[in-house]
Amino acid sequence: MHNGFVESFNGRKRDELLDETMFRNLAHTRAGITAWAADYNTERPYSALDYLTPVAAG
C-alpha cells in the first residue's frame, strides 16, 4: 500500500528542488533541503487544510 502524502511530498521535492538545483557539496545539499522543507511546511497553504499552512492549522 502506498502513502499518498509521502508520494506527493517526494514528487514536489523532486520537481521543485532536486531537478532544478546543482548542489556543490553535501553541506550545500543539506542547507538547500532544509530551507525548502521549512518553506514547504510553514509558508505554503494547503487546500486540504482549508488553505492554511500546516503551522497555522496546528
PDB file of N, CA and C in Angstrom:
ATOM      1  N   MET A   1       0.855  -1.180   0.000  1.00  0.00           N
ATOM      2  CA  MET A   1       0.000   0.000   0.000  1.00  0.00           C
ATOM      3  C   MET A   1       0.898   1.240   0.000  1.00  0.00           C
ATOM      4  N   HIS A   2       0.547   2.212  -0.794  1.00  0.00           N
ATOM      5  CA  HIS A   2       1.349   3.428  -0.920  1.00  0.00           C
ATOM      6  C   HIS A   2       0.736   4.552  -0.102  1.00  0.00           C
ATOM      7  N   ASN A   3       1.602   5.394   0.427  1.00  0.00           N
ATOM      8  CA  ASN A   3       1.156   6.549   1.191  1.00  0.00           C
ATOM      9  C   ASN A   3       1.102   7.749   0.248  1.00  0.00           C
ATOM     10  N   GLY A   4      -0.079   8.232  -0.049  1.00  0.00           N
ATOM     11  CA  GLY A   4      -0.258   9.325  -0.997  1.00  0.00           C
ATOM     12  C   GLY A   4       0.418  10.612  -0.572  1.00  0.00           C
ATOM     13  N   PHE A   5       0.416  10.903   0.731  1.00  0.00           N
ATOM     14  CA  PHE A   5       1.068  12.121   1.214  1.00  0.00           C
ATOM     15  C   PHE A   5       2.563  12.074   0.944  1.00  0.00           C
ATOM     16  N   VAL A   6       3.184  10.963   1.263  1.00  0.00           N
ATOM     17  CA  VAL A   6       4.635  10.830   1.067  1.00  0.00           C
ATOM     18  C   VAL A   6       4.975  10.894  -0.417  1.00  0.00           C
ATOM     19  N   GLU A   7       4.197  10.238  -1.242  1.00  0.00           N
ATOM     20  CA  GLU A   7       4.453  10.274  -2.683  1.00  0.00           C
ATOM     21  C   GLU A   7       4.302  11.687  -3.233  1.00  0.00           C
ATOM     22  N   SER A   8       3.288  12.417  -2.779  1.00  0.00           N
ATOM     23  CA  SER A   8       3.090  13.794  -3.228  1.00  0.00           C
ATOM     24  C   SER A   8       4.241  14.680  -2.761  1.00  0.00           C
ATOM     25  N   PHE A   9       4.633  14.541  -1.503  1.00  0.00           N
ATOM     26  CA  PHE A   9       5.737  15.328  -0.958  1.00  0.00           C
ATOM     27  C   PHE A   9       7.020  15.066  -1.730  1.00  0.00           C
ATOM     28  N   ASN A  10       7.338  13.818  -1.948  1.00  0.00           N
ATOM     29  CA  ASN A  10       8.562  13.479  -2.671  1.00  0.00           C
ATOM     30  C   ASN A  10       8.521  13.981  -4.117  1.00  0.00           C
ATOM     31  N   GLY A  11       7.373  13.932  -4.751  1.00  0.00           N
ATOM     32  CA  GLY A  11       7.242  14.447  -6.112  1.00  0.00           C
ATOM     33  C   GLY A  11       7.485  15.938  -6.175  1.00  0.00           C
ATOM     34  N   ARG A  12       6.916  16.672  -5.230  1.00  0.00           N
ATOM     35  CA  ARG A  12       7.134  18.127  -5.191  1.00  0.00           C
ATOM     36  C   ARG A  12       8.591  18.446  -4.901  1.00  0.00           C
ATOM     37  N   LYS A  13       9.171  17.726  -3.962  1.00  0.00           N
ATOM     38  CA  LYS A  13      10.581  17.972  -3.625  1.00  0.00           C
ATOM     39  C   LYS A  13      11.456  17.743  -4.846  1.00  0.00           C
ATOM     40  N   ARG A  14      11.207  16.681  -5.552  1.00  0.00           N
ATOM     41  CA  ARG A  14      11.994  16.375  -6.752  1.00  0.00           C
ATOM     42  C   ARG A  14      11.787  17.447  -7.813  1.00  0.00           C
ATOM     43  N   ASP A  15      10.539  17.820  -8.079  1.00  0.00           N
ATOM     44  CA  ASP A  15      10.238  18.803  -9.122  1.00  0.00           C
ATOM     45  C   ASP A  15      10.773  20.191  -8.796  1.00  0.00           C
ATOM     46  N   GLU A  16      10.643  20.617  -7.542  1.00  0.00           N
ATOM     47  CA  GLU A  16      10.959  21.994  -7.179  1.00  0.00           C
ATOM     48  C   GLU A  16      12.379  22.198  -6.676  1.00  0.00           C
ATOM     49  N   LEU A  17      13.043  21.137  -6.285  1.00  0.00           N
ATOM     50  CA  LEU A  17      14.364  21.317  -5.700  1.00  0.00           C
ATOM     51  C   LEU A  17      15.412  20.462  -6.390  1.00  0.00           C
ATOM     52  N   LEU A  18      15.217  19.180  -6.371  1.00  0.00           N
ATOM     53  CA  LEU A  18      16.284  18.284  -6.814  1.00  0.00           C
ATOM     54  C   LEU A  18      16.523  18.334  -8.314  1.00  0.00           C
ATOM     55  N   ASP A  19      15.480  18.491  -9.112  1.00  0.00           N
ATOM     56  CA  ASP A  19      15.658  18.524 -10.562  1.00  0.00           C
ATOM     57  C   ASP A  19      16.178  19.871 -11.060  1.00  0.00           C
ATOM     58  N   GLU A  20      16.122  20.910 -10.214  1.00  0.00           N
ATOM     59  CA  GLU A  20      16.489  22.254 -10.649  1.00  0.00           C
ATOM     60  C   GLU A  20      17.760  22.786 -10.003  1.00  0.00           C
ATOM     61  N   THR A  21      18.363  22.039  -9.108  1.00  0.00           N
ATOM     62  CA  THR A  21      19.486  22.551  -8.339  1.00  0.00           C
ATOM     63  C   THR A  21      20.732  21.713  -8.571  1.00  0.00           C
ATOM     64  N   MET A  22      21.828  22.384  -8.831  1.00  0.00           N
ATOM     65  CA  MET A  22      23.130  21.728  -8.908  1.00  0.00           C
ATOM     66  C   MET A  22      23.816  21.959  -7.563  1.00  0.00           C
ATOM     67  N   PHE A  23      23.885  20.931  -6.768  1.00  0.00           N
ATOM     68  CA  PHE A  23      24.492  21.063  -5.445  1.00  0.00           C
ATOM     69  C   PHE A  23      26.009  20.961  -5.549  1.00  0.00           C
ATOM     70  N   ARG A  24      26.702  21.818  -4.789  1.00  0.00           N
ATOM     71  CA  ARG A  24      28.165  21.851  -4.818  1.00  0.00           C
ATOM     72  C   ARG A  24      28.790  20.780  -3.939  1.00  0.00           C
ATOM     73  N   ASN A  25      28.158  20.496  -2.806  1.00  0.00           N
ATOM     74  CA  ASN A  25      28.692  19.510  -1.869  1.00  0.00           C
ATOM     75  C   ASN A  25      27.577  19.090  -0.921  1.00  0.00           C
ATOM     76  N   LEU A  26      27.888  18.226   0.023  1.00  0.00           N
ATOM     77  CA  LEU A  26      26.871  17.712   0.926  1.00  0.00           C
ATOM     78  C   LEU A  26      26.296  18.813   1.824  1.00  0.00           C
ATOM     79  N   ALA A  27      27.133  19.714   2.299  1.00  0.00           N
ATOM     80  CA  ALA A  27      26.642  20.804   3.155  1.00  0.00           C
ATOM     81  C   ALA A  27      25.673  21.699   2.386  1.00  0.00           C
ATOM     82  N   HIS A  28      25.976  22.007   1.134  1.00  0.00           N
ATOM     83  CA  HIS A  28      25.085  22.812   0.297  1.00  0.00           C
ATOM     84  C   HIS A  28      23.765  22.073   0.065  1.00  0.00           C
ATOM     85  N   THR A  29      23.842  20.781  -0.135  1.00  0.00           N
ATOM     86  CA  THR A  29      22.644  19.960  -0.325  1.00  0.00           C
ATOM     87  C   THR A  29      21.759  20.002   0.908  1.00  0.00           C
ATOM     88  N   ARG A  30      22.358  19.779   2.066  1.00  0.00           N
ATOM     89  CA  ARG A  30      21.585  19.792   3.324  1.00  0.00           C
ATOM     90  C   ARG A  30      20.943  21.154   3.571  1.00  0.00           C
ATOM     91  N   ALA A  31      21.678  22.230   3.324  1.00  0.00           N
ATOM     92  CA  ALA A  31      21.131  23.569   3.534  1.00  0.00           C
ATOM     93  C   ALA A  31      19.958  23.832   2.590  1.00  0.00           C
ATOM     94  N   GLY A  32      20.094  23.430   1.339  1.00  0.00           N
ATOM     95  CA  GLY A  32      19.011  23.618   0.377  1.00  0.00           C
ATOM     96  C   GLY A  32      17.772  22.840   0.732  1.00  0.00           C
ATOM     97  N   ILE A  33      17.941  21.607   1.137  1.00  0.00           N
ATOM     98  CA  ILE A  33      16.787  20.769   1.511  1.00  0.00           C
ATOM     99  C   ILE A  33      16.126  21.302   2.773  1.00  0.00           C
ATOM    100  N   THR A  34      16.917  21.736   3.748  1.00  0.00           N
ATOM    101  CA  THR A  34      16.355  22.295   4.977  1.00  0.00           C
ATOM    102  C   THR A  34      15.537  23.549   4.692  1.00  0.00           C
ATOM    103  N   ALA A  35      16.066  24.434   3.859  1.00  0.00           N
ATOM    104  CA  ALA A  35      15.337  25.659   3.505  1.00  0.00           C
ATOM    105  C   ALA A  35      14.067  25.337   2.743  1.00  0.00           C
ATOM    106  N   TRP A  36      14.131  24.394   1.807  1.00  0.00           N
ATOM    107  CA  TRP A  36      12.957  24.030   1.026  1.00  0.00           C
ATOM    108  C   TRP A  36      11.886  23.424   1.937  1.00  0.00           C
ATOM    109  N   ALA A  37      12.280  22.530   2.848  1.00  0.00           N
ATOM    110  CA  ALA A  37      11.317  21.883   3.750  1.00  0.00           C
ATOM    111  C   ALA A  37      10.664  22.900   4.682  1.00  0.00           C
ATOM    112  N   ALA A  38      11.435  23.864   5.163  1.00  0.00           N
ATOM    113  CA  ALA A  38      10.868  24.904   6.030  1.00  0.00           C
ATOM    114  C   ALA A  38       9.822  25.710   5.269  1.00  0.00           C
ATOM    115  N   ASP A  39      10.134  26.089   4.036  1.00  0.00           N
ATOM    116  CA  ASP A  39       9.175  26.825   3.208  1.00  0.00           C
ATOM    117  C   ASP A  39       7.935  25.973   2.940  1.00  0.00           C
ATOM    118  N   TYR A  40       8.131  24.727   2.609  1.00  0.00           N
ATOM    119  CA  TYR A  40       7.033  23.816   2.289  1.00  0.00           C
ATOM    120  C   TYR A  40       6.087  23.654   3.476  1.00  0.00           C
ATOM    121  N   ASN A  41       6.644  23.608   4.674  1.00  0.00           N
ATOM    122  CA  ASN A  41       5.838  23.333   5.862  1.00  0.00           C
ATOM    123  C   ASN A  41       5.326  24.574   6.578  1.00  0.00           C
ATOM    124  N   THR A  42       5.867  25.751   6.292  1.00  0.00           N
ATOM    125  CA  THR A  42       5.440  26.931   7.048  1.00  0.00           C
ATOM    126  C   THR A  42       4.851  28.041   6.187  1.00  0.00           C
ATOM    127  N   GLU A  43       5.145  28.065   4.906  1.00  0.00           N
ATOM    128  CA  GLU A  43       4.722  29.179   4.064  1.00  0.00           C
ATOM    129  C   GLU A  43       3.625  28.829   3.055  1.00  0.00           C
ATOM    130  N   ARG A  44       3.463  27.576   2.732  1.00  0.00           N
ATOM    131  CA  ARG A  44       2.534  27.186   1.668  1.00  0.00           C
ATOM    132  C   ARG A  44       1.167  26.802   2.219  1.00  0.00           C
ATOM    133  N   PRO A  45       0.121  27.394   1.695  1.00  0.00           N
ATOM    134  CA  PRO A  45      -1.223  26.965   2.100  1.00  0.00           C
ATOM    135  C   PRO A  45      -1.599  25.654   1.397  1.00  0.00           C
ATOM    136  N   TYR A  46      -2.395  24.858   2.068  1.00  0.00           N
ATOM    137  CA  TYR A  46      -2.829  23.571   1.540  1.00  0.00           C
ATOM    138  C   TYR A  46      -4.349  23.545   1.450  1.00  0.00           C
ATOM    139  N   SER A  47      -4.862  23.109   0.328  1.00  0.00           N
ATOM    140  CA  SER A  47      -6.320  23.047   0.165  1.00  0.00           C
ATOM    141  C   SER A  47      -6.932  22.088   1.176  1.00  0.00           C
ATOM    142  N   ALA A  48      -6.239  21.017   1.498  1.00  0.00           N
ATOM    143  CA  ALA A  48      -6.754  20.042   2.478  1.00  0.00           C
ATOM    144  C   ALA A  48      -6.854  20.635   3.880  1.00  0.00           C
ATOM    145  N   LEU A  49      -6.131  21.723   4.127  1.00  0.00           N
ATOM    146  CA  LEU A  49      -6.168  22.392   5.423  1.00  0.00           C
ATOM    147  C   LEU A  49      -6.963  23.698   5.342  1.00  0.00           C
ATOM    148  N   ASP A  50      -7.887  23.749   4.413  1.00  0.00           N
ATOM    149  CA  ASP A  50      -8.727  24.942   4.204  1.00  0.00           C
ATOM    150  C   ASP A  50      -7.859  26.154   3.877  1.00  0.00           C
ATOM    151  N   TYR A  51      -6.843  25.931   3.072  1.00  0.00           N
ATOM    152  CA  TYR A  51      -5.915  26.952   2.603  1.00  0.00           C
ATOM    153  C   TYR A  51      -5.145  27.653   3.712  1.00  0.00           C
ATOM    154  N   LEU A  52      -4.829  26.886   4.748  1.00  0.00           N
ATOM    155  CA  LEU A  52      -3.931  27.337   5.793  1.00  0.00           C
ATOM    156  C   LEU A  52      -2.593  26.622   5.629  1.00  0.00           C
ATOM    157  N   THR A  53      -1.560  27.160   6.255  1.00  0.00           N
ATOM    158  CA  THR A  53      -0.297  26.441   6.293  1.00  0.00           C
ATOM    159  C   THR A  53      -0.382  25.375   7.381  1.00  0.00           C
ATOM    160  N   PRO A  54       0.449  24.346   7.323  1.00  0.00           N
ATOM    161  CA  PRO A  54       0.424  23.338   8.400  1.00  0.00           C
ATOM    162  C   PRO A  54       0.673  23.943   9.780  1.00  0.00           C
ATOM    163  N   VAL A  55       1.535  24.945   9.863  1.00  0.00           N
ATOM    164  CA  VAL A  55       1.812  25.586  11.147  1.00  0.00           C
ATOM    165  C   VAL A  55       0.572  26.313  11.656  1.00  0.00           C
ATOM    166  N   ALA A  56      -0.102  27.039  10.772  1.00  0.00           N
ATOM    167  CA  ALA A  56      -1.301  27.783  11.183  1.00  0.00           C
ATOM    168  C   ALA A  56      -2.449  26.846  11.539  1.00  0.00           C
ATOM    169  N   ALA A  57      -2.525  25.706  10.886  1.00  0.00           N
ATOM    170  CA  ALA A  57      -3.603  24.754  11.163  1.00  0.00           C
ATOM    171  C   ALA A  57      -3.368  24.040  12.481  1.00  0.00           C
ATOM    172  N   GLY A  58      -2.081  23.940  12.868  1.00  0.00           N
ATOM    173  CA  GLY A  58      -1.644  23.369  14.131  1.00  0.00           C
ATOM    174  C   GLY A  58      -2.243  22.092  14.479  1.00  0.00           C
TER     175      GLY A  58
END
